[in-house]
Amino acid sequence: MKVHTGETPYSCQQCGHRFTEKRSLEIHLRIHSGEKPYSCRVCGRRFIRREDLKSHTRVHSGEKPHTCPRCGKSFTQKGNLSTHMRVHTGEKPFVCVQCGSSFRSKANFNCHMRKHS
């Protein structure tokens, strides 16, 4: 119900970010403390959240569970599929306010923005 009402009773004392659940705040606090309790057995890389470790292990296993319904290309992460879908839709939501260039991914947009600075 907190999600629907917008209630966020748990607040980070360091940055003010607010959460609907206490557990979400506890995980968030790891950003400030640097704690990364989940470690990859293959390469040793460490993660704040168990879900991030699970997603990372696909790099080593080759598993690509997220498949494009239009062309069949597969991805290790759901976000990469979402970005890829813009190839089919033509959507370019990241627009440079300085020159008007637009980009499908935030990474490409950020790279472009470095050229202006």
PDB file of N, CA and C in Angstrom:
ATOM      1  N   MET A   1       0.819  -1.204   0.000  1.00  0.00           N
ATOM      2  CA  MET A   1       0.000   0.000   0.000  1.00  0.00           C
ATOM      3  C   MET A   1       0.861   1.265   0.000  1.00  0.00           C
ATOM      4  N   LYS A   2       2.047   1.193   0.620  1.00  0.00           N
ATOM      5  CA  LYS A   2       2.910   2.374   0.661  1.00  0.00           C
ATOM      6  C   LYS A   2       3.293   2.839  -0.741  1.00  0.00           C
ATOM      7  N   VAL A   3       3.469   1.882  -1.649  1.00  0.00           N
ATOM      8  CA  VAL A   3       3.810   2.226  -3.024  1.00  0.00           C
ATOM      9  C   VAL A   3       2.681   3.042  -3.652  1.00  0.00           C
ATOM     10  N   HIS A   4       1.443   2.633  -3.413  1.00  0.00           N
ATOM     11  CA  HIS A   4       0.291   3.301  -4.009  1.00  0.00           C
ATOM     12  C   HIS A   4       0.006   4.661  -3.377  1.00  0.00           C
ATOM     13  N   THR A   5       0.263   4.776  -2.083  1.00  0.00           N
ATOM     14  CA  THR A   5      -0.007   6.043  -1.397  1.00  0.00           C
ATOM     15  C   THR A   5       1.152   7.024  -1.495  1.00  0.00           C
ATOM     16  N   GLY A   6       2.335   6.515  -1.888  1.00  0.00           N
ATOM     17  CA  GLY A   6       3.508   7.377  -1.974  1.00  0.00           C
ATOM     18  C   GLY A   6       4.216   7.559  -0.645  1.00  0.00           C
ATOM     19  N   GLU A   7       3.776   6.833   0.371  1.00  0.00           N
ATOM     20  CA  GLU A   7       4.374   6.942   1.699  1.00  0.00           C
ATOM     21  C   GLU A   7       5.807   6.393   1.685  1.00  0.00           C
ATOM     22  N   THR A   8       6.747   7.191   2.180  1.00  0.00           N
ATOM     23  CA  THR A   8       8.151   6.772   2.269  1.00  0.00           C
ATOM     24  C   THR A   8       8.682   7.098   3.665  1.00  0.00           C
ATOM     25  N   PRO A   9       8.376   6.244   4.633  1.00  0.00           N
ATOM     26  CA  PRO A   9       8.715   6.557   6.020  1.00  0.00           C
ATOM     27  C   PRO A   9      10.186   6.370   6.385  1.00  0.00           C
ATOM     28  N   TYR A  10      10.967   5.708   5.531  1.00  0.00           N
ATOM     29  CA  TYR A  10      12.361   5.434   5.864  1.00  0.00           C
ATOM     30  C   TYR A  10      13.275   6.353   5.064  1.00  0.00           C
ATOM     31  N   SER A  11      14.108   7.101   5.778  1.00  0.00           N
ATOM     32  CA  SER A  11      14.950   8.114   5.151  1.00  0.00           C
ATOM     33  C   SER A  11      16.422   7.889   5.470  1.00  0.00           C
ATOM     34  N   CYS A  12      17.273   8.055   4.455  1.00  0.00           N
ATOM     35  CA  CYS A  12      18.720   7.954   4.645  1.00  0.00           C
ATOM     36  C   CYS A  12      19.215   9.223   5.328  1.00  0.00           C
ATOM     37  N   GLN A  13      19.917   9.047   6.430  1.00  0.00           N
ATOM     38  CA  GLN A  13      20.419  10.186   7.193  1.00  0.00           C
ATOM     39  C   GLN A  13      21.565  10.910   6.479  1.00  0.00           C
ATOM     40  N   GLN A  14      22.190  10.222   5.513  1.00  0.00           N
ATOM     41  CA  GLN A  14      23.347  10.814   4.831  1.00  0.00           C
ATOM     42  C   GLN A  14      22.974  11.621   3.589  1.00  0.00           C
ATOM     43  N   CYS A  15      21.988  11.139   2.823  1.00  0.00           N
ATOM     44  CA  CYS A  15      21.674  11.837   1.572  1.00  0.00           C
ATOM     45  C   CYS A  15      20.206  12.234   1.445  1.00  0.00           C
ATOM     46  N   GLY A  16      19.368  11.786   2.374  1.00  0.00           N
ATOM     47  CA  GLY A  16      17.969  12.164   2.353  1.00  0.00           C
ATOM     48  C   GLY A  16      17.079  11.318   1.456  1.00  0.00           C
ATOM     49  N   HIS A  17      17.643  10.380   0.721  1.00  0.00           N
ATOM     50  CA  HIS A  17      16.830   9.508  -0.138  1.00  0.00           C
ATOM     51  C   HIS A  17      15.828   8.762   0.739  1.00  0.00           C
ATOM     52  N   ARG A  18      14.597   8.620   0.240  1.00  0.00           N
ATOM     53  CA  ARG A  18      13.528   8.031   1.045  1.00  0.00           C
ATOM     54  C   ARG A  18      13.069   6.707   0.444  1.00  0.00           C
ATOM     55  N   PHE A  19      12.564   5.815   1.323  1.00  0.00           N
ATOM     56  CA  PHE A  19      12.177   4.468   0.921  1.00  0.00           C
ATOM     57  C   PHE A  19      10.858   4.056   1.544  1.00  0.00           C
ATOM     58  N   THR A  20      10.172   3.146   0.850  1.00  0.00           N
ATOM     59  CA  THR A  20       8.912   2.620   1.368  1.00  0.00           C
ATOM     60  C   THR A  20       9.150   1.483   2.355  1.00  0.00           C
ATOM     61  N   GLU A  21      10.288   0.794   2.220  1.00  0.00           N
ATOM     62  CA  GLU A  21      10.585  -0.350   3.083  1.00  0.00           C
ATOM     63  C   GLU A  21      11.908  -0.177   3.813  1.00  0.00           C
ATOM     64  N   LYS A  22      11.954  -0.663   5.034  1.00  0.00           N
ATOM     65  CA  LYS A  22      13.164  -0.572   5.849  1.00  0.00           C
ATOM     66  C   LYS A  22      14.310  -1.339   5.195  1.00  0.00           C
ATOM     67  N   ARG A  23      14.014  -2.489   4.610  1.00  0.00           N
ATOM     68  CA  ARG A  23      15.041  -3.315   3.972  1.00  0.00           C
ATOM     69  C   ARG A  23      15.698  -2.574   2.800  1.00  0.00           C
ATOM     70  N   SER A  24      14.925  -1.816   2.064  1.00  0.00           N
ATOM     71  CA  SER A  24      15.476  -1.031   0.958  1.00  0.00           C
ATOM     72  C   SER A  24      16.449   0.028   1.467  1.00  0.00           C
ATOM     73  N   LEU A  25      16.117   0.644   2.588  1.00  0.00           N
ATOM     74  CA  LEU A  25      17.028   1.614   3.203  1.00  0.00           C
ATOM     75  C   LEU A  25      18.315   0.930   3.640  1.00  0.00           C
ATOM     76  N   GLU A  26      18.196  -0.250   4.246  1.00  0.00           N
ATOM     77  CA  GLU A  26      19.383  -0.973   4.711  1.00  0.00           C
ATOM     78  C   GLU A  26      20.325  -1.296   3.540  1.00  0.00           C
ATOM     79  N   ILE A  27      19.769  -1.718   2.437  1.00  0.00           N
ATOM     80  CA  ILE A  27      20.589  -2.012   1.252  1.00  0.00           C
ATOM     81  C   ILE A  27      21.204  -0.719   0.713  1.00  0.00           C
ATOM     82  N   HIS A  28      20.423   0.339   0.672  1.00  0.00           N
ATOM     83  CA  HIS A  28      20.921   1.643   0.208  1.00  0.00           C
ATOM     84  C   HIS A  28      22.112   2.126   1.031  1.00  0.00           C
ATOM     85  N   LEU A  29      22.068   1.905   2.340  1.00  0.00           N
ATOM     86  CA  LEU A  29      23.140   2.383   3.218  1.00  0.00           C
ATOM     87  C   LEU A  29      24.500   1.790   2.840  1.00  0.00           C
ATOM     88  N   ARG A  30      24.502   0.652   2.158  1.00  0.00           N
ATOM     89  CA  ARG A  30      25.757   0.042   1.711  1.00  0.00           C
ATOM     90  C   ARG A  30      26.487   0.930   0.711  1.00  0.00           C
ATOM     91  N   ILE A  31      25.748   1.761  -0.002  1.00  0.00           N
ATOM     92  CA  ILE A  31      26.376   2.695  -0.937  1.00  0.00           C
ATOM     93  C   ILE A  31      27.302   3.631  -0.174  1.00  0.00           C
ATOM     94  N   HIS A  32      26.843   4.106   0.974  1.00  0.00           N
ATOM     95  CA  HIS A  32      27.622   5.047   1.771  1.00  0.00           C
ATOM     96  C   HIS A  32      28.741   4.358   2.554  1.00  0.00           C
ATOM     97  N   SER A  33      28.494   3.129   2.997  1.00  0.00           N
ATOM     98  CA  SER A  33      29.495   2.430   3.808  1.00  0.00           C
ATOM     99  C   SER A  33      30.544   1.725   2.959  1.00  0.00           C
ATOM    100  N   GLY A  34      30.203   1.459   1.694  1.00  0.00           N
ATOM    101  CA  GLY A  34      31.114   0.728   0.820  1.00  0.00           C
ATOM    102  C   GLY A  34      31.025  -0.779   0.985  1.00  0.00           C
ATOM    103  N   GLU A  35      30.112  -1.245   1.836  1.00  0.00           N
ATOM    104  CA  GLU A  35      29.962  -2.680   2.070  1.00  0.00           C
ATOM    105  C   GLU A  35      29.436  -3.366   0.812  1.00  0.00           C
ATOM    106  N   LYS A  36      30.113  -4.444   0.415  1.00  0.00           N
ATOM    107  CA  LYS A  36      29.703  -5.251  -0.739  1.00  0.00           C
ATOM    108  C   LYS A  36      29.782  -6.715  -0.331  1.00  0.00           C
ATOM    109  N   PRO A  37      28.719  -7.236   0.277  1.00  0.00           N
ATOM    110  CA  PRO A  37      28.773  -8.578   0.865  1.00  0.00           C
ATOM    111  C   PRO A  37      28.672  -9.737  -0.117  1.00  0.00           C
ATOM    112  N   TYR A  38      28.330  -9.475  -1.376  1.00  0.00           N
ATOM    113  CA  TYR A  38      28.150 -10.567  -2.336  1.00  0.00           C
ATOM    114  C   TYR A  38      29.311 -10.586  -3.324  1.00  0.00           C
ATOM    115  N   SER A  39      29.988 -11.740  -3.400  1.00  0.00           N
ATOM    116  CA  SER A  39      31.204 -11.858  -4.196  1.00  0.00           C
ATOM    117  C   SER A  39      31.064 -12.922  -5.279  1.00  0.00           C
ATOM    118  N   CYS A  40      31.547 -12.620  -6.469  1.00  0.00           N
ATOM    119  CA  CYS A  40      31.532 -13.568  -7.582  1.00  0.00           C
ATOM    120  C   CYS A  40      32.585 -14.643  -7.333  1.00  0.00           C
ATOM    121  N   ARG A  41      32.174 -15.890  -7.452  1.00  0.00           N
ATOM    122  CA  ARG A  41      33.090 -17.019  -7.232  1.00  0.00           C
ATOM    123  C   ARG A  41      34.112 -17.160  -8.353  1.00  0.00           C
ATOM    124  N   VAL A  42      33.819 -16.610  -9.516  1.00  0.00           N
ATOM    125  CA  VAL A  42      34.714 -16.750 -10.665  1.00  0.00           C
ATOM    126  C   VAL A  42      35.793 -15.675 -10.673  1.00  0.00           C
ATOM    127  N   CYS A  43      35.391 -14.422 -10.560  1.00  0.00           N
ATOM    128  CA  CYS A  43      36.363 -13.328 -10.712  1.00  0.00           C
ATOM    129  C   CYS A  43      36.597 -12.514  -9.446  1.00  0.00           C
ATOM    130  N   GLY A  44      35.789 -12.726  -8.418  1.00  0.00           N
ATOM    131  CA  GLY A  44      35.984 -12.009  -7.158  1.00  0.00           C
ATOM    132  C   GLY A  44      35.328 -10.645  -7.085  1.00  0.00           C
ATOM    133  N   ARG A  45      34.725 -10.182  -8.163  1.00  0.00           N
ATOM    134  CA  ARG A  45      34.062  -8.874  -8.125  1.00  0.00           C
ATOM    135  C   ARG A  45      32.967  -8.903  -7.066  1.00  0.00           C
ATOM    136  N   ARG A  46      32.806  -7.782  -6.355  1.00  0.00           N
ATOM    137  CA  ARG A  46      31.876  -7.720  -5.233  1.00  0.00           C
ATOM    138  C   ARG A  46      30.702  -6.795  -5.551  1.00  0.00           C
ATOM    139  N   PHE A  47      29.558  -7.091  -4.891  1.00  0.00           N
ATOM    140  CA  PHE A  47      28.319  -6.371  -5.178  1.00  0.00           C
ATOM    141  C   PHE A  47      27.562  -6.035  -3.903  1.00  0.00           C
ATOM    142  N   ILE A  48      26.804  -4.951  -3.972  1.00  0.00           N
ATOM    143  CA  ILE A  48      25.980  -4.496  -2.860  1.00  0.00           C
ATOM    144  C   ILE A  48      24.745  -5.376  -2.721  1.00  0.00           C
ATOM    145  N   ARG A  49      24.132  -5.737  -3.863  1.00  0.00           N
ATOM    146  CA  ARG A  49      22.886  -6.497  -3.837  1.00  0.00           C
ATOM    147  C   ARG A  49      23.076  -7.892  -4.425  1.00  0.00           C
ATOM    148  N   ARG A  50      22.365  -8.851  -3.885  1.00  0.00           N
ATOM    149  CA  ARG A  50      22.405 -10.238  -4.376  1.00  0.00           C
ATOM    150  C   ARG A  50      21.949 -10.300  -5.838  1.00  0.00           C
ATOM    151  N   GLU A  51      20.948  -9.486  -6.194  1.00  0.00           N
ATOM    152  CA  GLU A  51      20.439  -9.467  -7.560  1.00  0.00           C
ATOM    153  C   GLU A  51      21.505  -9.024  -8.553  1.00  0.00           C
ATOM    154  N   ASP A  52      22.362  -8.082  -8.135  1.00  0.00           N
ATOM    155  CA  ASP A  52      23.438  -7.610  -9.011  1.00  0.00           C
ATOM    156  C   ASP A  52      24.467  -8.708  -9.246  1.00  0.00           C
ATOM    157  N   LEU A  53      24.765  -9.488  -8.211  1.00  0.00           N
ATOM    158  CA  LEU A  53      25.675 -10.623  -8.370  1.00  0.00           C
ATOM    159  C   LEU A  53      25.079 -11.646  -9.324  1.00  0.00           C
ATOM    160  N   LYS A  54      23.805 -11.940  -9.152  1.00  0.00           N
ATOM    161  CA  LYS A  54      23.143 -12.922 -10.018  1.00  0.00           C
ATOM    162  C   LYS A  54      23.210 -12.479 -11.478  1.00  0.00           C
ATOM    163  N   SER A  55      22.952 -11.230 -11.719  1.00  0.00           N
ATOM    164  CA  SER A  55      23.016 -10.695 -13.075  1.00  0.00           C
ATOM    165  C   SER A  55      24.444 -10.768 -13.621  1.00  0.00           C
ATOM    166  N   HIS A  56      25.417 -10.441 -12.779  1.00  0.00           N
ATOM    167  CA  HIS A  56      26.823 -10.470 -13.180  1.00  0.00           C
ATOM    168  C   HIS A  56      27.287 -11.871 -13.574  1.00  0.00           C
ATOM    169  N   THR A  57      26.825 -12.892 -12.874  1.00  0.00           N
ATOM    170  CA  THR A  57      27.304 -14.253 -13.150  1.00  0.00           C
ATOM    171  C   THR A  57      26.978 -14.689 -14.577  1.00  0.00           C
ATOM    172  N   ARG A  58      26.010 -14.052 -15.209  1.00  0.00           N
ATOM    173  CA  ARG A  58      25.686 -14.363 -16.598  1.00  0.00           C
ATOM    174  C   ARG A  58      26.840 -14.015 -17.543  1.00  0.00           C
ATOM    175  N   VAL A  59      27.687 -13.084 -17.130  1.00  0.00           N
ATOM    176  CA  VAL A  59      28.866 -12.744 -17.931  1.00  0.00           C
ATOM    177  C   VAL A  59      29.746 -13.980 -18.084  1.00  0.00           C
ATOM    178  N   HIS A  60      29.863 -14.751 -17.019  1.00  0.00           N
ATOM    179  CA  HIS A  60      30.719 -15.940 -17.029  1.00  0.00           C
ATOM    180  C   HIS A  60      30.011 -17.153 -17.628  1.00  0.00           C
ATOM    181  N   SER A  61      28.705 -17.279 -17.407  1.00  0.00           N
ATOM    182  CA  SER A  61      27.977 -18.471 -17.869  1.00  0.00           C
ATOM    183  C   SER A  61      27.544 -18.371 -19.319  1.00  0.00           C
ATOM    184  N   GLY A  62      27.455 -17.149 -19.821  1.00  0.00           N
ATOM    185  CA  GLY A  62      26.984 -16.954 -21.187  1.00  0.00           C
ATOM    186  C   GLY A  62      25.467 -16.950 -21.310  1.00  0.00           C
ATOM    187  N   GLU A  63      24.766 -17.098 -20.183  1.00  0.00           N
ATOM    188  CA  GLU A  63      23.305 -17.104 -20.199  1.00  0.00           C
ATOM    189  C   GLU A  63      22.782 -15.726 -20.619  1.00  0.00           C
ATOM    190  N   LYS A  64      21.827 -15.727 -21.549  1.00  0.00           N
ATOM    191  CA  LYS A  64      21.206 -14.490 -22.015  1.00  0.00           C
ATOM    192  C   LYS A  64      19.691 -14.688 -22.024  1.00  0.00           C
ATOM    193  N   PRO A  65      19.056 -14.497 -20.867  1.00  0.00           N
ATOM    194  CA  PRO A  65      17.630 -14.818 -20.745  1.00  0.00           C
ATOM    195  C   PRO A  65      16.664 -13.783 -21.321  1.00  0.00           C
ATOM    196  N   HIS A  66      17.158 -12.625 -21.700  1.00  0.00           N
ATOM    197  CA  HIS A  66      16.277 -11.558 -22.187  1.00  0.00           C
ATOM    198  C   HIS A  66      16.398 -11.464 -23.706  1.00  0.00           C
ATOM    199  N   THR A  67      15.357 -11.884 -24.406  1.00  0.00           N
ATOM    200  CA  THR A  67      15.395 -11.985 -25.863  1.00  0.00           C
ATOM    201  C   THR A  67      14.454 -10.980 -26.520  1.00  0.00           C
ATOM    202  N   CYS A  68      14.951 -10.332 -27.553  1.00  0.00           N
ATOM    203  CA  CYS A  68      14.159  -9.360 -28.308  1.00  0.00           C
ATOM    204  C   CYS A  68      13.057 -10.095 -29.075  1.00  0.00           C
ATOM    205  N   PRO A  69      11.806  -9.684 -28.887  1.00  0.00           N
ATOM    206  CA  PRO A  69      10.708 -10.348 -29.588  1.00  0.00           C
ATOM    207  C   PRO A  69      10.671 -10.042 -31.090  1.00  0.00           C
ATOM    208  N   ARG A  70      11.381  -9.008 -31.503  1.00  0.00           N
ATOM    209  CA  ARG A  70      11.371  -8.617 -32.913  1.00  0.00           C
ATOM    210  C   ARG A  70      12.455  -9.300 -33.744  1.00  0.00           C
ATOM    211  N   CYS A  71      13.678  -9.375 -33.194  1.00  0.00           N
ATOM    212  CA  CYS A  71      14.782  -9.906 -34.004  1.00  0.00           C
ATOM    213  C   CYS A  71      15.464 -11.124 -33.396  1.00  0.00           C
ATOM    214  N   GLY A  72      15.135 -11.453 -32.144  1.00  0.00           N
ATOM    215  CA  GLY A  72      15.698 -12.643 -31.514  1.00  0.00           C
ATOM    216  C   GLY A  72      17.037 -12.454 -30.829  1.00  0.00           C
ATOM    217  N   LYS A  73      17.617 -11.263 -30.903  1.00  0.00           N
ATOM    218  CA  LYS A  73      18.889 -11.015 -30.217  1.00  0.00           C
ATOM    219  C   LYS A  73      18.676 -11.143 -28.713  1.00  0.00           C
ATOM    220  N   SER A  74      19.656 -11.743 -28.016  1.00  0.00           N
ATOM    221  CA  SER A  74      19.520 -11.983 -26.574  1.00  0.00           C
ATOM    222  C   SER A  74      20.518 -11.161 -25.776  1.00  0.00           C
ATOM    223  N   PHE A  75      20.140 -10.894 -24.523  1.00  0.00           N
ATOM    224  CA  PHE A  75      20.940 -10.046 -23.642  1.00  0.00           C
ATOM    225  C   PHE A  75      21.013 -10.640 -22.244  1.00  0.00           C
ATOM    226  N   THR A  76      22.101 -10.324 -21.543  1.00  0.00           N
ATOM    227  CA  THR A  76      22.274 -10.806 -20.178  1.00  0.00           C
ATOM    228  C   THR A  76      21.420 -10.006 -19.197  1.00  0.00           C
ATOM    229  N   GLN A  77      21.168  -8.731 -19.517  1.00  0.00           N
ATOM    230  CA  GLN A  77      20.430  -7.874 -18.598  1.00  0.00           C
ATOM    231  C   GLN A  77      19.199  -7.280 -19.271  1.00  0.00           C
ATOM    232  N   LYS A  78      18.140  -7.146 -18.516  1.00  0.00           N
ATOM    233  CA  LYS A  78      16.874  -6.620 -19.019  1.00  0.00           C
ATOM    234  C   LYS A  78      17.028  -5.187 -19.540  1.00  0.00           C
ATOM    235  N   GLY A  79      17.836  -4.391 -18.844  1.00  0.00           N
ATOM    236  CA  GLY A  79      18.051  -3.005 -19.267  1.00  0.00           C
ATOM    237  C   GLY A  79      18.697  -2.910 -20.638  1.00  0.00           C
ATOM    238  N   ASN A  80      19.583  -3.853 -20.954  1.00  0.00           N
ATOM    239  CA  ASN A  80      20.219  -3.858 -22.271  1.00  0.00           C
ATOM    240  C   ASN A  80      19.203  -4.180 -23.362  1.00  0.00           C
ATOM    241  N   LEU A  81      18.255  -5.066 -23.051  1.00  0.00           N
ATOM    242  CA  LEU A  81      17.180  -5.349 -24.004  1.00  0.00           C
ATOM    243  C   LEU A  81      16.318  -4.110 -24.208  1.00  0.00           C
ATOM    244  N   SER A  82      16.014  -3.404 -23.142  1.00  0.00           N
ATOM    245  CA  SER A  82      15.202  -2.185 -23.255  1.00  0.00           C
ATOM    246  C   SER A  82      15.871  -1.157 -24.154  1.00  0.00           C
ATOM    247  N   THR A  83      17.175  -0.979 -23.975  1.00  0.00           N
ATOM    248  CA  THR A  83      17.923  -0.053 -24.827  1.00  0.00           C
ATOM    249  C   THR A  83      17.911  -0.539 -26.274  1.00  0.00           C
ATOM    250  N   HIS A  84      18.118  -1.836 -26.476  1.00  0.00           N
ATOM    251  CA  HIS A  84      18.112  -2.414 -27.815  1.00  0.00           C
ATOM    252  C   HIS A  84      16.772  -2.199 -28.519  1.00  0.00           C
ATOM    253  N   MET A  85      15.673  -2.294 -27.789  1.00  0.00           N
ATOM    254  CA  MET A  85      14.347  -2.146 -28.392  1.00  0.00           C
ATOM    255  C   MET A  85      14.191  -0.796 -29.086  1.00  0.00           C
ATOM    256  N   ARG A  86      14.955   0.189 -28.656  1.00  0.00           N
ATOM    257  CA  ARG A  86      14.893   1.512 -29.281  1.00  0.00           C
ATOM    258  C   ARG A  86      15.411   1.485 -30.714  1.00  0.00           C
ATOM    259  N   VAL A  87      16.219   0.484 -31.054  1.00  0.00           N
ATOM    260  CA  VAL A  87      16.655   0.311 -32.437  1.00  0.00           C
ATOM    261  C   VAL A  87      15.420   0.085 -33.313  1.00  0.00           C
ATOM    262  N   HIS A  88      14.486  -0.692 -32.813  1.00  0.00           N
ATOM    263  CA  HIS A  88      13.282  -1.020 -33.577  1.00  0.00           C
ATOM    264  C   HIS A  88      12.249   0.106 -33.554  1.00  0.00           C
ATOM    265  N   THR A  89      12.158   0.809 -32.434  1.00  0.00           N
ATOM    266  CA  THR A  89      11.141   1.864 -32.316  1.00  0.00           C
ATOM    267  C   THR A  89      11.626   3.201 -32.855  1.00  0.00           C
ATOM    268  N   GLY A  90      12.956   3.370 -32.943  1.00  0.00           N
ATOM    269  CA  GLY A  90      13.512   4.639 -33.386  1.00  0.00           C
ATOM    270  C   GLY A  90      13.599   5.679 -32.283  1.00  0.00           C
ATOM    271  N   GLU A  91      13.185   5.309 -31.088  1.00  0.00           N
ATOM    272  CA  GLU A  91      13.190   6.240 -29.953  1.00  0.00           C
ATOM    273  C   GLU A  91      14.619   6.627 -29.583  1.00  0.00           C
ATOM    274  N   LYS A  92      14.824   7.922 -29.372  1.00  0.00           N
ATOM    275  CA  LYS A  92      16.113   8.450 -28.907  1.00  0.00           C
ATOM    276  C   LYS A  92      15.818   9.464 -27.806  1.00  0.00           C
ATOM    277  N   PRO A  93      15.622   8.971 -26.578  1.00  0.00           N
ATOM    278  CA  PRO A  93      15.138   9.839 -25.503  1.00  0.00           C
ATOM    279  C   PRO A  93      16.177  10.764 -24.873  1.00  0.00           C
ATOM    280  N   PHE A  94      17.445  10.569 -25.169  1.00  0.00           N
ATOM    281  CA  PHE A  94      18.481  11.397 -24.553  1.00  0.00           C
ATOM    282  C   PHE A  94      18.911  12.474 -25.547  1.00  0.00           C
ATOM    283  N   VAL A  95      18.533  13.720 -25.263  1.00  0.00           N
ATOM    284  CA  VAL A  95      18.753  14.825 -26.190  1.00  0.00           C
ATOM    285  C   VAL A  95      19.713  15.847 -25.587  1.00  0.00           C
ATOM    286  N   CYS A  96      20.703  16.219 -26.371  1.00  0.00           N
ATOM    287  CA  CYS A  96      21.674  17.230 -25.953  1.00  0.00           C
ATOM    288  C   CYS A  96      21.039  18.606 -26.085  1.00  0.00           C
ATOM    289  N   VAL A  97      21.019  19.352 -24.977  1.00  0.00           N
ATOM    290  CA  VAL A  97      20.418  20.686 -25.009  1.00  0.00           C
ATOM    291  C   VAL A  97      21.317  21.698 -25.706  1.00  0.00           C
ATOM    292  N   GLN A  98      22.594  21.341 -25.871  1.00  0.00           N
ATOM    293  CA  GLN A  98      23.528  22.274 -26.495  1.00  0.00           C
ATOM    294  C   GLN A  98      23.501  22.219 -28.021  1.00  0.00           C
ATOM    295  N   CYS A  99      23.364  21.006 -28.584  1.00  0.00           N
ATOM    296  CA  CYS A  99      23.419  20.899 -30.046  1.00  0.00           C
ATOM    297  C   CYS A  99      22.232  20.169 -30.666  1.00  0.00           C
ATOM    298  N   GLY A 100      21.361  19.587 -29.835  1.00  0.00           N
ATOM    299  CA  GLY A 100      20.177  18.924 -30.355  1.00  0.00           C
ATOM    300  C   GLY A 100      20.363  17.482 -30.780  1.00  0.00           C
ATOM    301  N   SER A 101      21.579  16.939 -30.689  1.00  0.00           N
ATOM    302  CA  SER A 101      21.794  15.526 -31.037  1.00  0.00           C
ATOM    303  C   SER A 101      21.022  14.651 -30.061  1.00  0.00           C
ATOM    304  N   SER A 102      20.527  13.513 -30.562  1.00  0.00           N
ATOM    305  CA  SER A 102      19.777  12.613 -29.688  1.00  0.00           C
ATOM    306  C   SER A 102      20.365  11.213 -29.750  1.00  0.00           C
ATOM    307  N   PHE A 103      20.148  10.460 -28.653  1.00  0.00           N
ATOM    308  CA  PHE A 103      20.803   9.166 -28.486  1.00  0.00           C
ATOM    309  C   PHE A 103      19.851   8.135 -27.901  1.00  0.00           C
ATOM    310  N   ARG A 104      20.085   6.873 -28.272  1.00  0.00           N
ATOM    311  CA  ARG A 104      19.270   5.769 -27.760  1.00  0.00           C
ATOM    312  C   ARG A 104      19.662   5.362 -26.353  1.00  0.00           C
ATOM    313  N   SER A 105      20.945   5.503 -26.012  1.00  0.00           N
ATOM    314  CA  SER A 105      21.405   5.048 -24.699  1.00  0.00           C
ATOM    315  C   SER A 105      22.007   6.200 -23.909  1.00  0.00           C
ATOM    316  N   LYS A 106      21.889   6.091 -22.610  1.00  0.00           N
ATOM    317  CA  LYS A 106      22.472   7.097 -21.718  1.00  0.00           C
ATOM    318  C   LYS A 106      23.992   7.093 -21.827  1.00  0.00           C
ATOM    319  N   ALA A 107      24.581   5.917 -22.039  1.00  0.00           N
ATOM    320  CA  ALA A 107      26.036   5.814 -22.170  1.00  0.00           C
ATOM    321  C   ALA A 107      26.534   6.617 -23.373  1.00  0.00           C
ATOM    322  N   ASN A 108      25.858   6.479 -24.502  1.00  0.00           N
ATOM    323  CA  ASN A 108      26.258   7.234 -25.692  1.00  0.00           C
ATOM    324  C   ASN A 108      26.034   8.730 -25.504  1.00  0.00           C
ATOM    325  N   PHE A 109      24.949   9.073 -24.819  1.00  0.00           N
ATOM    326  CA  PHE A 109      24.670  10.480 -24.517  1.00  0.00           C
ATOM    327  C   PHE A 109      25.770  11.073 -23.638  1.00  0.00           C
ATOM    328  N   ASN A 110      26.150  10.342 -22.574  1.00  0.00           N
ATOM    329  CA  ASN A 110      27.198  10.825 -21.672  1.00  0.00           C
ATOM    330  C   ASN A 110      28.521  10.995 -22.396  1.00  0.00           C
ATOM    331  N   CYS A 111      28.853  10.065 -23.289  1.00  0.00           N
ATOM    332  CA  CYS A 111      30.077  10.166 -24.089  1.00  0.00           C
ATOM    333  C   CYS A 111      30.030  11.433 -24.949  1.00  0.00           C
ATOM    334  N   HIS A 112      28.905  11.683 -25.557  1.00  0.00           N
ATOM    335  CA  HIS A 112      28.723  12.882 -26.374  1.00  0.00           C
ATOM    336  C   HIS A 112      28.892  14.147 -25.537  1.00  0.00           C
ATOM    337  N   MET A 113      28.320  14.161 -24.353  1.00  0.00           N
ATOM    338  CA  MET A 113      28.361  15.356 -23.508  1.00  0.00           C
ATOM    339  C   MET A 113      29.781  15.723 -23.103  1.00  0.00           C
ATOM    340  N   ARG A 114      30.659  14.734 -23.024  1.00  0.00           N
ATOM    341  CA  ARG A 114      32.080  15.013 -22.693  1.00  0.00           C
ATOM    342  C   ARG A 114      32.738  15.844 -23.790  1.00  0.00           C
ATOM    343  N   LYS A 115      32.239  15.766 -25.009  1.00  0.00           N
ATOM    344  CA  LYS A 115      32.798  16.542 -26.131  1.00  0.00           C
ATOM    345  C   LYS A 115      32.513  18.019 -25.964  1.00  0.00           C
ATOM    346  N   HIS A 116      31.425  18.347 -25.270  1.00  0.00           N
ATOM    347  CA  HIS A 116      31.058  19.755 -25.070  1.00  0.00           C
ATOM    348  C   HIS A 116      31.829  20.402 -23.914  1.00  0.00           C
ATOM    349  N   SER A 117      32.399  19.576 -23.045  1.00  0.00           N
ATOM    350  CA  SER A 117      33.064  20.182 -21.875  1.00  0.00           C
ATOM    351  C   SER A 117      34.547  20.333 -22.078  1.00  0.00           C
TER     352      SER A 117
END
